[in-house]
Amino acid sequence: MQASVGAEPSARSGMDALLLRSLQNYVLDTFGSAKWQEVCCLADQPSRTYEPMLRYAPGLADRVGDIAARVLGRPVEAIWEDVGTYLVTNPDREGVRRLLRFGGVSFSDFLHSLEELPARAKLALPSLEAPEVILDEVGPDRFELRCRSHIRGIQRVLIGVVTAMADDYGALCLIETGAEDCITIAVLDTRHAMAKAFDLARPEG
């Protein structure tokens, strides 16, 4: 298979590769192959597939994300948030949801586990160069979340993931972006809705 322009085999894979593959799957599943082909054409990417185990030029994920937003006629922030939601809610990506639900039995447990997420992601992809995730509890049921990465879109992906996980746990939250790339999370009701079924002992289905 021909590798995308700007990619090379690497002993270590980066977040650009992971986000590019996630964006690819999201656009293909949600908008169809014609839209994805248009994105790749405008991005000067002769291959239509991004491989998680390849290393891509830093910033390529943001550039392709910007082009996808233009092709789809939506803000790039909304595209990346939808990618984050897609990773959790798409039944074909159940492994991502399971990885996140192992963070704890409650939504607050999950939030506290986010700092461990890069290490847990390495269990699935040992070569991943994961970003640093920092969570501060600034008050009762109030949190500030930061993700240190060269990729601009990753903060919005994280917002999508946290939003989807709040729904998965049945929690009602107010999630906003603050200063200095800070995500603020206010947990308004931990039992707003029934949590979705999850069995720690075995995969579902």
N, C-alpha and C. Protein backbone atom coordinates (compact mmCIF):
# COMPACT_ATOMS: atom_id res chain seq x y z
N MET A 1 0.84 -1.20 0.00
CA MET A 1 0.00 0.00 0.00
C MET A 1 0.88 1.25 0.00
N GLN A 2 0.53 2.21 -0.82
CA GLN A 2 1.31 3.43 -0.89
C GLN A 2 1.06 4.30 0.34
N ALA A 3 2.13 4.77 0.95
CA ALA A 3 1.99 5.63 2.13
C ALA A 3 1.64 7.03 1.71
N SER A 4 0.99 7.78 2.59
CA SER A 4 0.64 9.15 2.31
C SER A 4 1.88 10.00 2.21
N VAL A 5 1.76 11.09 1.45
CA VAL A 5 2.86 12.04 1.35
C VAL A 5 3.16 12.59 2.74
N GLY A 6 4.45 12.68 3.06
CA GLY A 6 4.83 13.20 4.37
C GLY A 6 4.89 12.15 5.44
N ALA A 7 4.78 10.86 5.04
CA ALA A 7 4.81 9.78 6.02
C ALA A 7 6.03 8.90 5.78
N GLU A 8 6.51 8.32 6.86
CA GLU A 8 7.62 7.38 6.76
C GLU A 8 7.50 6.35 7.86
N PRO A 9 7.98 5.11 7.61
CA PRO A 9 7.94 4.11 8.67
C PRO A 9 8.73 4.60 9.88
N SER A 10 8.24 4.27 11.07
CA SER A 10 8.91 4.75 12.27
C SER A 10 8.76 3.74 13.38
N ALA A 11 9.78 3.67 14.23
CA ALA A 11 9.69 2.80 15.39
C ALA A 11 8.72 3.35 16.41
N ARG A 12 8.44 4.64 16.30
CA ARG A 12 7.50 5.27 17.22
C ARG A 12 6.46 6.03 16.41
N SER A 13 5.20 5.91 16.75
CA SER A 13 4.14 6.61 16.04
C SER A 13 3.71 7.83 16.83
N GLY A 14 3.23 8.82 16.14
CA GLY A 14 2.85 10.06 16.78
C GLY A 14 1.35 10.26 16.82
N MET A 15 0.94 11.31 17.52
CA MET A 15 -0.48 11.64 17.61
C MET A 15 -1.04 12.11 16.29
N ASP A 16 -0.20 12.70 15.42
CA ASP A 16 -0.70 13.09 14.10
C ASP A 16 -1.27 11.87 13.38
N ALA A 17 -0.54 10.75 13.42
CA ALA A 17 -1.00 9.53 12.75
C ALA A 17 -2.33 9.06 13.33
N LEU A 18 -2.44 9.07 14.65
CA LEU A 18 -3.66 8.58 15.31
C LEU A 18 -4.85 9.48 14.98
N LEU A 19 -4.65 10.79 15.02
CA LEU A 19 -5.74 11.70 14.72
C LEU A 19 -6.12 11.68 13.25
N LEU A 20 -5.13 11.53 12.37
CA LEU A 20 -5.44 11.43 10.94
C LEU A 20 -6.29 10.19 10.65
N ARG A 21 -5.94 9.08 11.26
CA ARG A 21 -6.73 7.86 11.05
C ARG A 21 -8.13 8.02 11.63
N SER A 22 -8.24 8.66 12.79
CA SER A 22 -9.55 8.89 13.40
C SER A 22 -10.40 9.81 12.54
N LEU A 23 -9.78 10.86 12.00
CA LEU A 23 -10.50 11.78 11.10
C LEU A 23 -10.96 11.04 9.85
N GLN A 24 -10.08 10.21 9.30
CA GLN A 24 -10.42 9.43 8.12
C GLN A 24 -11.65 8.56 8.37
N ASN A 25 -11.63 7.81 9.47
CA ASN A 25 -12.77 6.92 9.77
C ASN A 25 -14.05 7.71 9.99
N TYR A 26 -13.94 8.84 10.69
CA TYR A 26 -15.12 9.66 10.97
C TYR A 26 -15.74 10.19 9.67
N VAL A 27 -14.93 10.75 8.79
CA VAL A 27 -15.46 11.30 7.54
C VAL A 27 -16.04 10.20 6.66
N LEU A 28 -15.34 9.08 6.54
CA LEU A 28 -15.84 7.97 5.72
C LEU A 28 -17.17 7.45 6.24
N ASP A 29 -17.27 7.23 7.54
CA ASP A 29 -18.49 6.65 8.12
C ASP A 29 -19.65 7.64 8.14
N THR A 30 -19.34 8.93 8.27
CA THR A 30 -20.40 9.93 8.44
C THR A 30 -20.80 10.61 7.14
N PHE A 31 -19.84 10.87 6.26
CA PHE A 31 -20.12 11.65 5.05
C PHE A 31 -19.85 10.89 3.76
N GLY A 32 -19.19 9.76 3.82
CA GLY A 32 -18.98 8.94 2.64
C GLY A 32 -17.62 9.13 1.99
N SER A 33 -17.29 8.20 1.09
CA SER A 33 -15.96 8.17 0.48
C SER A 33 -15.70 9.35 -0.45
N ALA A 34 -16.74 9.88 -1.10
CA ALA A 34 -16.52 10.99 -2.04
C ALA A 34 -15.99 12.22 -1.30
N LYS A 35 -16.54 12.50 -0.14
CA LYS A 35 -16.07 13.65 0.64
C LYS A 35 -14.64 13.42 1.12
N TRP A 36 -14.34 12.20 1.56
CA TRP A 36 -12.99 11.92 2.02
C TRP A 36 -11.98 12.03 0.88
N GLN A 37 -12.34 11.55 -0.29
CA GLN A 37 -11.46 11.67 -1.45
C GLN A 37 -11.21 13.14 -1.79
N GLU A 38 -12.24 13.97 -1.66
CA GLU A 38 -12.07 15.40 -1.91
C GLU A 38 -11.10 16.02 -0.91
N VAL A 39 -11.23 15.63 0.36
CA VAL A 39 -10.30 16.13 1.39
C VAL A 39 -8.87 15.74 1.04
N CYS A 40 -8.65 14.47 0.70
CA CYS A 40 -7.30 13.99 0.40
C CYS A 40 -6.73 14.69 -0.83
N CYS A 41 -7.57 14.92 -1.83
CA CYS A 41 -7.12 15.60 -3.05
C CYS A 41 -6.66 17.02 -2.74
N LEU A 42 -7.44 17.76 -1.98
CA LEU A 42 -7.09 19.13 -1.63
C LEU A 42 -5.87 19.18 -0.72
N ALA A 43 -5.65 18.12 0.03
CA ALA A 43 -4.49 18.05 0.93
C ALA A 43 -3.24 17.53 0.23
N ASP A 44 -3.36 17.25 -1.08
CA ASP A 44 -2.23 16.69 -1.84
C ASP A 44 -1.76 15.38 -1.27
N GLN A 45 -2.72 14.53 -0.86
CA GLN A 45 -2.41 13.22 -0.31
C GLN A 45 -2.87 12.15 -1.30
N PRO A 46 -1.97 11.58 -2.10
CA PRO A 46 -2.38 10.60 -3.11
C PRO A 46 -2.98 9.34 -2.52
N SER A 47 -2.54 8.94 -1.34
CA SER A 47 -3.13 7.80 -0.67
C SER A 47 -4.36 8.27 0.11
N ARG A 48 -5.37 7.41 0.17
CA ARG A 48 -6.60 7.76 0.88
C ARG A 48 -6.62 7.19 2.29
N THR A 49 -5.51 6.58 2.71
CA THR A 49 -5.47 5.90 4.00
C THR A 49 -4.29 6.39 4.83
N TYR A 50 -4.55 6.72 6.09
CA TYR A 50 -3.50 7.06 7.03
C TYR A 50 -3.28 5.89 7.97
N GLU A 51 -2.02 5.56 8.19
CA GLU A 51 -1.68 4.39 8.98
C GLU A 51 -1.17 4.81 10.36
N PRO A 52 -1.75 4.25 11.45
CA PRO A 52 -1.34 4.63 12.80
C PRO A 52 0.13 4.37 13.10
N MET A 53 0.74 3.39 12.40
CA MET A 53 2.12 3.04 12.70
C MET A 53 3.14 3.81 11.87
N LEU A 54 2.68 4.78 11.08
CA LEU A 54 3.59 5.64 10.34
C LEU A 54 3.73 6.97 11.05
N ARG A 55 4.85 7.62 10.81
CA ARG A 55 5.04 8.96 11.36
C ARG A 55 4.77 9.98 10.27
N TYR A 56 3.93 10.97 10.58
CA TYR A 56 3.59 12.02 9.63
C TYR A 56 4.18 13.35 10.09
N ALA A 57 4.33 14.24 9.16
CA ALA A 57 4.92 15.54 9.46
C ALA A 57 4.11 16.24 10.55
N PRO A 58 4.77 16.81 11.56
CA PRO A 58 4.05 17.54 12.60
C PRO A 58 3.19 18.64 11.97
N GLY A 59 1.95 18.71 12.41
CA GLY A 59 1.03 19.70 11.88
C GLY A 59 0.15 19.21 10.75
N LEU A 60 0.45 18.00 10.21
CA LEU A 60 -0.37 17.50 9.10
C LEU A 60 -1.80 17.24 9.53
N ALA A 61 -2.00 16.72 10.75
CA ALA A 61 -3.37 16.46 11.22
C ALA A 61 -4.18 17.75 11.27
N ASP A 62 -3.56 18.84 11.74
CA ASP A 62 -4.29 20.11 11.79
C ASP A 62 -4.59 20.61 10.38
N ARG A 63 -3.64 20.44 9.45
CA ARG A 63 -3.86 20.92 8.08
C ARG A 63 -4.98 20.15 7.40
N VAL A 64 -4.97 18.83 7.54
CA VAL A 64 -6.03 18.01 6.94
C VAL A 64 -7.37 18.30 7.63
N GLY A 65 -7.33 18.53 8.94
CA GLY A 65 -8.56 18.89 9.65
C GLY A 65 -9.16 20.20 9.14
N ASP A 66 -8.30 21.18 8.88
CA ASP A 66 -8.77 22.45 8.33
C ASP A 66 -9.42 22.24 6.95
N ILE A 67 -8.80 21.40 6.13
CA ILE A 67 -9.35 21.13 4.80
C ILE A 67 -10.68 20.38 4.91
N ALA A 68 -10.76 19.41 5.82
CA ALA A 68 -12.02 18.69 6.02
C ALA A 68 -13.14 19.63 6.43
N ALA A 69 -12.81 20.58 7.29
CA ALA A 69 -13.83 21.56 7.72
C ALA A 69 -14.32 22.38 6.52
N ARG A 70 -13.40 22.76 5.65
CA ARG A 70 -13.79 23.53 4.47
C ARG A 70 -14.66 22.70 3.53
N VAL A 71 -14.27 21.44 3.31
CA VAL A 71 -15.04 20.57 2.43
C VAL A 71 -16.43 20.30 2.98
N LEU A 72 -16.52 20.10 4.29
CA LEU A 72 -17.80 19.75 4.93
C LEU A 72 -18.63 20.97 5.30
N GLY A 73 -18.03 22.17 5.18
CA GLY A 73 -18.77 23.40 5.48
C GLY A 73 -19.10 23.56 6.95
N ARG A 74 -18.17 23.14 7.82
CA ARG A 74 -18.39 23.24 9.27
C ARG A 74 -17.15 23.80 9.92
N PRO A 75 -17.28 24.41 11.10
CA PRO A 75 -16.09 24.89 11.81
C PRO A 75 -15.16 23.74 12.14
N VAL A 76 -13.86 23.98 12.05
CA VAL A 76 -12.91 22.92 12.33
C VAL A 76 -13.01 22.44 13.77
N GLU A 77 -13.36 23.34 14.69
CA GLU A 77 -13.52 22.94 16.10
C GLU A 77 -14.64 21.90 16.23
N ALA A 78 -15.73 22.11 15.48
CA ALA A 78 -16.85 21.16 15.53
C ALA A 78 -16.46 19.81 14.93
N ILE A 79 -15.64 19.85 13.86
CA ILE A 79 -15.19 18.60 13.24
C ILE A 79 -14.39 17.77 14.24
N TRP A 80 -13.43 18.40 14.91
CA TRP A 80 -12.59 17.64 15.85
C TRP A 80 -13.39 17.17 17.07
N GLU A 81 -14.34 17.97 17.55
CA GLU A 81 -15.17 17.51 18.67
C GLU A 81 -15.99 16.31 18.25
N ASP A 82 -16.50 16.34 17.02
CA ASP A 82 -17.27 15.20 16.53
C ASP A 82 -16.40 13.96 16.38
N VAL A 83 -15.13 14.15 16.02
CA VAL A 83 -14.21 13.01 15.96
C VAL A 83 -14.08 12.37 17.34
N GLY A 84 -13.92 13.21 18.37
CA GLY A 84 -13.83 12.70 19.73
C GLY A 84 -15.08 11.94 20.15
N THR A 85 -16.25 12.49 19.83
CA THR A 85 -17.52 11.81 20.15
C THR A 85 -17.63 10.50 19.39
N TYR A 86 -17.24 10.53 18.13
CA TYR A 86 -17.29 9.34 17.27
C TYR A 86 -16.43 8.21 17.84
N LEU A 87 -15.26 8.54 18.35
CA LEU A 87 -14.37 7.51 18.89
C LEU A 87 -15.00 6.74 20.05
N VAL A 88 -15.86 7.44 20.81
CA VAL A 88 -16.49 6.81 21.97
C VAL A 88 -17.79 6.10 21.60
N THR A 89 -18.57 6.69 20.70
CA THR A 89 -19.95 6.22 20.48
C THR A 89 -20.10 5.26 19.32
N ASN A 90 -19.14 5.25 18.38
CA ASN A 90 -19.30 4.36 17.23
C ASN A 90 -19.14 2.91 17.67
N PRO A 91 -20.14 2.06 17.40
CA PRO A 91 -20.07 0.67 17.89
C PRO A 91 -18.90 -0.11 17.30
N ASP A 92 -18.39 0.32 16.14
CA ASP A 92 -17.25 -0.38 15.55
C ASP A 92 -15.93 -0.01 16.24
N ARG A 93 -15.95 1.01 17.13
CA ARG A 93 -14.74 1.42 17.86
C ARG A 93 -14.90 1.16 19.36
N GLU A 94 -15.54 0.05 19.69
CA GLU A 94 -15.86 -0.25 21.09
C GLU A 94 -14.62 -0.31 21.98
N GLY A 95 -13.47 -0.65 21.38
CA GLY A 95 -12.25 -0.74 22.18
C GLY A 95 -11.88 0.57 22.83
N VAL A 96 -12.15 1.70 22.17
CA VAL A 96 -11.84 3.02 22.75
C VAL A 96 -12.71 3.26 23.97
N ARG A 97 -14.01 2.99 23.83
CA ARG A 97 -14.92 3.19 24.97
C ARG A 97 -14.51 2.31 26.15
N ARG A 98 -14.15 1.06 25.88
CA ARG A 98 -13.76 0.17 26.96
C ARG A 98 -12.50 0.68 27.66
N LEU A 99 -11.55 1.15 26.88
CA LEU A 99 -10.32 1.70 27.47
C LEU A 99 -10.65 2.84 28.42
N LEU A 100 -11.60 3.69 28.02
CA LEU A 100 -11.96 4.85 28.84
C LEU A 100 -12.79 4.46 30.05
N ARG A 101 -13.69 3.50 29.89
CA ARG A 101 -14.54 3.09 31.01
C ARG A 101 -13.75 2.36 32.10
N PHE A 102 -12.60 1.82 31.76
CA PHE A 102 -11.77 1.21 32.78
C PHE A 102 -11.23 2.26 33.74
N GLY A 103 -11.48 3.55 33.47
CA GLY A 103 -11.04 4.61 34.36
C GLY A 103 -11.76 4.66 35.69
N GLY A 104 -12.93 4.03 35.81
CA GLY A 104 -13.64 4.04 37.08
C GLY A 104 -15.12 3.81 36.93
N VAL A 105 -15.80 3.69 38.08
CA VAL A 105 -17.22 3.36 38.06
C VAL A 105 -18.10 4.60 37.96
N SER A 106 -17.54 5.79 38.16
CA SER A 106 -18.31 7.02 38.06
C SER A 106 -17.62 7.99 37.11
N PHE A 107 -18.36 9.02 36.69
CA PHE A 107 -17.79 10.00 35.78
C PHE A 107 -16.63 10.76 36.43
N SER A 108 -16.77 11.06 37.72
CA SER A 108 -15.67 11.72 38.42
C SER A 108 -14.43 10.83 38.46
N ASP A 109 -14.64 9.52 38.67
CA ASP A 109 -13.51 8.59 38.60
C ASP A 109 -12.84 8.65 37.23
N PHE A 110 -13.67 8.68 36.20
CA PHE A 110 -13.14 8.76 34.84
C PHE A 110 -12.29 10.02 34.65
N LEU A 111 -12.80 11.16 35.13
CA LEU A 111 -12.05 12.40 34.98
C LEU A 111 -10.70 12.30 35.69
N HIS A 112 -10.69 11.74 36.88
CA HIS A 112 -9.44 11.62 37.63
C HIS A 112 -8.47 10.66 36.94
N SER A 113 -9.00 9.75 36.14
CA SER A 113 -8.14 8.78 35.46
C SER A 113 -7.52 9.33 34.17
N LEU A 114 -7.95 10.52 33.75
CA LEU A 114 -7.48 11.03 32.46
C LEU A 114 -5.97 11.25 32.41
N GLU A 115 -5.39 11.59 33.56
CA GLU A 115 -3.94 11.77 33.56
C GLU A 115 -3.20 10.46 33.28
N GLU A 116 -3.87 9.34 33.55
CA GLU A 116 -3.27 8.04 33.29
C GLU A 116 -3.56 7.56 31.87
N LEU A 117 -4.39 8.31 31.13
CA LEU A 117 -4.82 7.86 29.82
C LEU A 117 -3.66 7.64 28.84
N PRO A 118 -2.67 8.54 28.78
CA PRO A 118 -1.56 8.28 27.85
C PRO A 118 -0.86 6.95 28.13
N ALA A 119 -0.64 6.63 29.40
CA ALA A 119 0.01 5.36 29.73
C ALA A 119 -0.87 4.17 29.35
N ARG A 120 -2.19 4.30 29.58
CA ARG A 120 -3.09 3.21 29.22
C ARG A 120 -3.21 3.05 27.71
N ALA A 121 -3.14 4.17 26.98
CA ALA A 121 -3.18 4.10 25.51
C ALA A 121 -1.98 3.34 24.97
N LYS A 122 -0.86 3.45 25.66
CA LYS A 122 0.34 2.74 25.23
C LYS A 122 0.19 1.22 25.36
N LEU A 123 -0.75 0.77 26.18
CA LEU A 123 -0.99 -0.66 26.27
C LEU A 123 -1.54 -1.19 24.95
N ALA A 124 -2.36 -0.34 24.29
CA ALA A 124 -2.93 -0.72 23.00
C ALA A 124 -1.98 -0.42 21.85
N LEU A 125 -1.19 0.65 21.99
CA LEU A 125 -0.25 1.07 20.95
C LEU A 125 1.06 1.46 21.62
N PRO A 126 1.92 0.48 21.90
CA PRO A 126 3.13 0.74 22.69
C PRO A 126 4.05 1.80 22.11
N SER A 127 4.03 2.01 20.80
CA SER A 127 4.94 2.96 20.18
C SER A 127 4.40 4.39 20.18
N LEU A 128 3.21 4.60 20.73
CA LEU A 128 2.58 5.92 20.68
C LEU A 128 3.33 6.95 21.52
N GLU A 129 3.59 8.10 20.92
CA GLU A 129 4.13 9.24 21.66
C GLU A 129 2.95 10.10 22.10
N ALA A 130 2.41 9.79 23.26
CA ALA A 130 1.17 10.41 23.72
C ALA A 130 1.42 11.78 24.33
N PRO A 131 0.43 12.67 24.26
CA PRO A 131 0.57 13.99 24.89
C PRO A 131 0.43 13.90 26.40
N GLU A 132 0.75 14.98 27.06
CA GLU A 132 0.59 15.05 28.52
C GLU A 132 -0.80 15.58 28.84
N VAL A 133 -1.49 14.88 29.74
CA VAL A 133 -2.83 15.29 30.17
C VAL A 133 -2.77 15.66 31.65
N ILE A 134 -3.28 16.85 31.98
CA ILE A 134 -3.22 17.36 33.35
C ILE A 134 -4.63 17.73 33.80
N LEU A 135 -5.05 17.20 34.93
CA LEU A 135 -6.37 17.51 35.49
C LEU A 135 -6.20 18.13 36.87
N ASP A 136 -6.88 19.26 37.10
CA ASP A 136 -6.90 19.90 38.41
C ASP A 136 -8.35 19.99 38.88
N GLU A 137 -8.60 19.55 40.11
CA GLU A 137 -9.92 19.72 40.71
C GLU A 137 -9.91 21.04 41.46
N VAL A 138 -10.64 22.02 40.93
CA VAL A 138 -10.58 23.39 41.45
C VAL A 138 -11.72 23.71 42.40
N GLY A 139 -12.61 22.76 42.61
CA GLY A 139 -13.72 22.95 43.53
C GLY A 139 -14.58 21.70 43.51
N PRO A 140 -15.62 21.66 44.34
CA PRO A 140 -16.50 20.50 44.36
C PRO A 140 -17.12 20.28 42.98
N ASP A 141 -16.82 19.13 42.37
CA ASP A 141 -17.34 18.78 41.04
C ASP A 141 -16.98 19.79 39.96
N ARG A 142 -15.85 20.47 40.13
CA ARG A 142 -15.36 21.42 39.13
C ARG A 142 -13.90 21.08 38.80
N PHE A 143 -13.62 21.01 37.49
CA PHE A 143 -12.31 20.55 37.05
C PHE A 143 -11.76 21.44 35.95
N GLU A 144 -10.43 21.49 35.86
CA GLU A 144 -9.75 22.12 34.74
C GLU A 144 -8.86 21.07 34.10
N LEU A 145 -9.01 20.92 32.79
CA LEU A 145 -8.31 19.87 32.06
C LEU A 145 -7.45 20.49 30.97
N ARG A 146 -6.20 20.06 30.90
CA ARG A 146 -5.27 20.54 29.87
C ARG A 146 -4.61 19.35 29.18
N CYS A 147 -4.36 19.53 27.89
CA CYS A 147 -3.69 18.51 27.10
C CYS A 147 -2.56 19.19 26.33
N ARG A 148 -1.33 18.84 26.66
CA ARG A 148 -0.17 19.47 26.05
C ARG A 148 0.26 18.69 24.82
N SER A 149 0.08 19.30 23.66
CA SER A 149 0.41 18.66 22.40
C SER A 149 0.66 19.73 21.35
N HIS A 150 1.44 19.39 20.33
CA HIS A 150 1.66 20.33 19.23
C HIS A 150 0.46 20.39 18.30
N ILE A 151 -0.50 19.49 18.46
CA ILE A 151 -1.67 19.44 17.59
C ILE A 151 -2.78 20.32 18.16
N ARG A 152 -3.20 21.32 17.39
CA ARG A 152 -4.24 22.22 17.86
C ARG A 152 -5.57 21.50 18.07
N GLY A 153 -5.87 20.57 17.17
CA GLY A 153 -7.18 19.93 17.21
C GLY A 153 -7.38 18.97 18.36
N ILE A 154 -6.31 18.58 19.03
CA ILE A 154 -6.45 17.53 20.03
C ILE A 154 -7.28 17.98 21.23
N GLN A 155 -7.24 19.29 21.54
CA GLN A 155 -8.06 19.78 22.65
C GLN A 155 -9.54 19.57 22.34
N ARG A 156 -9.94 19.86 21.11
CA ARG A 156 -11.34 19.68 20.72
C ARG A 156 -11.72 18.21 20.67
N VAL A 157 -10.80 17.36 20.26
CA VAL A 157 -11.06 15.91 20.30
C VAL A 157 -11.32 15.48 21.74
N LEU A 158 -10.51 16.00 22.67
CA LEU A 158 -10.69 15.66 24.07
C LEU A 158 -12.03 16.15 24.60
N ILE A 159 -12.46 17.32 24.17
CA ILE A 159 -13.78 17.82 24.57
C ILE A 159 -14.87 16.86 24.09
N GLY A 160 -14.76 16.40 22.84
CA GLY A 160 -15.73 15.45 22.32
C GLY A 160 -15.73 14.15 23.09
N VAL A 161 -14.55 13.68 23.46
CA VAL A 161 -14.44 12.44 24.23
C VAL A 161 -15.09 12.61 25.60
N VAL A 162 -14.77 13.70 26.30
CA VAL A 162 -15.32 13.93 27.64
C VAL A 162 -16.83 14.10 27.58
N THR A 163 -17.32 14.82 26.58
CA THR A 163 -18.77 15.00 26.43
C THR A 163 -19.47 13.67 26.22
N ALA A 164 -18.91 12.83 25.35
CA ALA A 164 -19.51 11.52 25.10
C ALA A 164 -19.45 10.63 26.33
N MET A 165 -18.35 10.72 27.09
CA MET A 165 -18.22 9.89 28.28
C MET A 165 -19.17 10.36 29.39
N ALA A 166 -19.43 11.65 29.47
CA ALA A 166 -20.43 12.13 30.43
C ALA A 166 -21.78 11.50 30.15
N ASP A 167 -22.15 11.45 28.87
CA ASP A 167 -23.39 10.81 28.48
C ASP A 167 -23.36 9.32 28.78
N ASP A 168 -22.20 8.69 28.57
CA ASP A 168 -22.07 7.26 28.83
C ASP A 168 -22.28 6.95 30.30
N TYR A 169 -21.80 7.83 31.17
CA TYR A 169 -21.96 7.65 32.62
C TYR A 169 -23.29 8.19 33.14
N GLY A 170 -24.06 8.88 32.29
CA GLY A 170 -25.33 9.45 32.71
C GLY A 170 -25.19 10.74 33.49
N ALA A 171 -24.06 11.44 33.34
CA ALA A 171 -23.82 12.68 34.08
C ALA A 171 -24.19 13.90 33.24
N LEU A 172 -24.67 14.94 33.89
CA LEU A 172 -24.95 16.22 33.25
C LEU A 172 -23.81 17.18 33.57
N CYS A 173 -23.16 17.69 32.52
CA CYS A 173 -21.97 18.53 32.72
C CYS A 173 -22.05 19.79 31.86
N LEU A 174 -21.35 20.81 32.31
CA LEU A 174 -21.11 22.01 31.52
C LEU A 174 -19.63 22.00 31.17
N ILE A 175 -19.33 21.90 29.88
CA ILE A 175 -17.95 21.79 29.42
C ILE A 175 -17.65 22.98 28.52
N GLU A 176 -16.63 23.75 28.87
CA GLU A 176 -16.29 24.96 28.13
C GLU A 176 -14.77 25.04 27.94
N THR A 177 -14.38 25.84 26.96
CA THR A 177 -12.95 26.12 26.78
C THR A 177 -12.62 27.44 27.46
N GLY A 178 -11.52 27.42 28.23
CA GLY A 178 -11.10 28.62 28.95
C GLY A 178 -9.81 29.16 28.39
N ALA A 179 -9.14 29.98 29.18
CA ALA A 179 -7.89 30.59 28.76
C ALA A 179 -6.77 29.56 28.75
N GLU A 180 -5.76 29.83 27.92
CA GLU A 180 -4.55 29.00 27.86
C GLU A 180 -4.87 27.53 27.62
N ASP A 181 -5.77 27.28 26.65
CA ASP A 181 -6.10 25.91 26.24
C ASP A 181 -6.61 25.07 27.40
N CYS A 182 -7.33 25.69 28.30
CA CYS A 182 -7.88 24.98 29.46
C CYS A 182 -9.34 24.61 29.17
N ILE A 183 -9.69 23.36 29.46
CA ILE A 183 -11.07 22.89 29.37
C ILE A 183 -11.66 22.89 30.77
N THR A 184 -12.74 23.62 30.97
CA THR A 184 -13.38 23.65 32.29
C THR A 184 -14.59 22.71 32.27
N ILE A 185 -14.71 21.92 33.33
CA ILE A 185 -15.78 20.93 33.43
C ILE A 185 -16.50 21.12 34.76
N ALA A 186 -17.78 21.41 34.70
CA ALA A 186 -18.61 21.50 35.90
C ALA A 186 -19.62 20.36 35.87
N VAL A 187 -19.53 19.47 36.85
CA VAL A 187 -20.45 18.33 36.92
C VAL A 187 -21.68 18.79 37.69
N LEU A 188 -22.79 18.95 36.98
CA LEU A 188 -24.02 19.49 37.58
C LEU A 188 -24.87 18.41 38.23
N ASP A 189 -24.86 17.21 37.67
CA ASP A 189 -25.69 16.13 38.20
C ASP A 189 -25.05 14.81 37.78
N THR A 190 -24.60 14.02 38.74
CA THR A 190 -23.93 12.76 38.42
C THR A 190 -24.91 11.66 38.04
N ARG A 191 -26.21 11.87 38.31
CA ARG A 191 -27.21 10.86 37.99
C ARG A 191 -28.33 11.48 37.16
N HIS A 192 -27.96 12.26 36.19
CA HIS A 192 -28.95 12.93 35.35
C HIS A 192 -29.73 11.93 34.51
N ALA A 193 -29.07 10.87 34.06
CA ALA A 193 -29.71 9.84 33.25
C ALA A 193 -29.09 8.49 33.62
N MET A 194 -29.72 7.44 33.13
CA MET A 194 -29.20 6.11 33.41
C MET A 194 -27.89 5.90 32.64
N ALA A 195 -26.88 5.42 33.35
CA ALA A 195 -25.61 5.13 32.70
C ALA A 195 -25.77 3.98 31.73
N LYS A 196 -24.99 4.00 30.67
CA LYS A 196 -25.04 2.91 29.70
C LYS A 196 -24.38 1.67 30.29
N ALA A 197 -24.88 0.52 29.90
CA ALA A 197 -24.39 -0.75 30.44
C ALA A 197 -22.92 -0.93 30.11
N PHE A 198 -22.17 -1.44 31.09
CA PHE A 198 -20.77 -1.74 30.86
C PHE A 198 -20.33 -2.81 31.84
N ASP A 199 -19.65 -3.82 31.31
CA ASP A 199 -19.16 -4.93 32.12
C ASP A 199 -17.63 -4.91 32.06
N LEU A 200 -16.99 -4.62 33.20
CA LEU A 200 -15.54 -4.57 33.25
C LEU A 200 -14.90 -5.92 32.95
N ALA A 201 -15.65 -7.00 33.21
CA ALA A 201 -15.05 -8.33 33.14
C ALA A 201 -14.90 -8.85 31.71
N ARG A 202 -15.78 -8.38 30.79
CA ARG A 202 -15.73 -8.95 29.46
C ARG A 202 -16.25 -7.95 28.44
N PRO A 203 -15.85 -8.06 27.18
CA PRO A 203 -16.39 -7.21 26.13
C PRO A 203 -17.88 -7.42 25.98
N GLU A 204 -18.55 -6.35 25.52
CA GLU A 204 -19.99 -6.45 25.32
C GLU A 204 -20.31 -6.97 23.94
N GLY A 205 -21.53 -7.41 23.76
CA GLY A 205 -21.99 -7.82 22.45
C GLY A 205 -22.02 -9.32 22.29
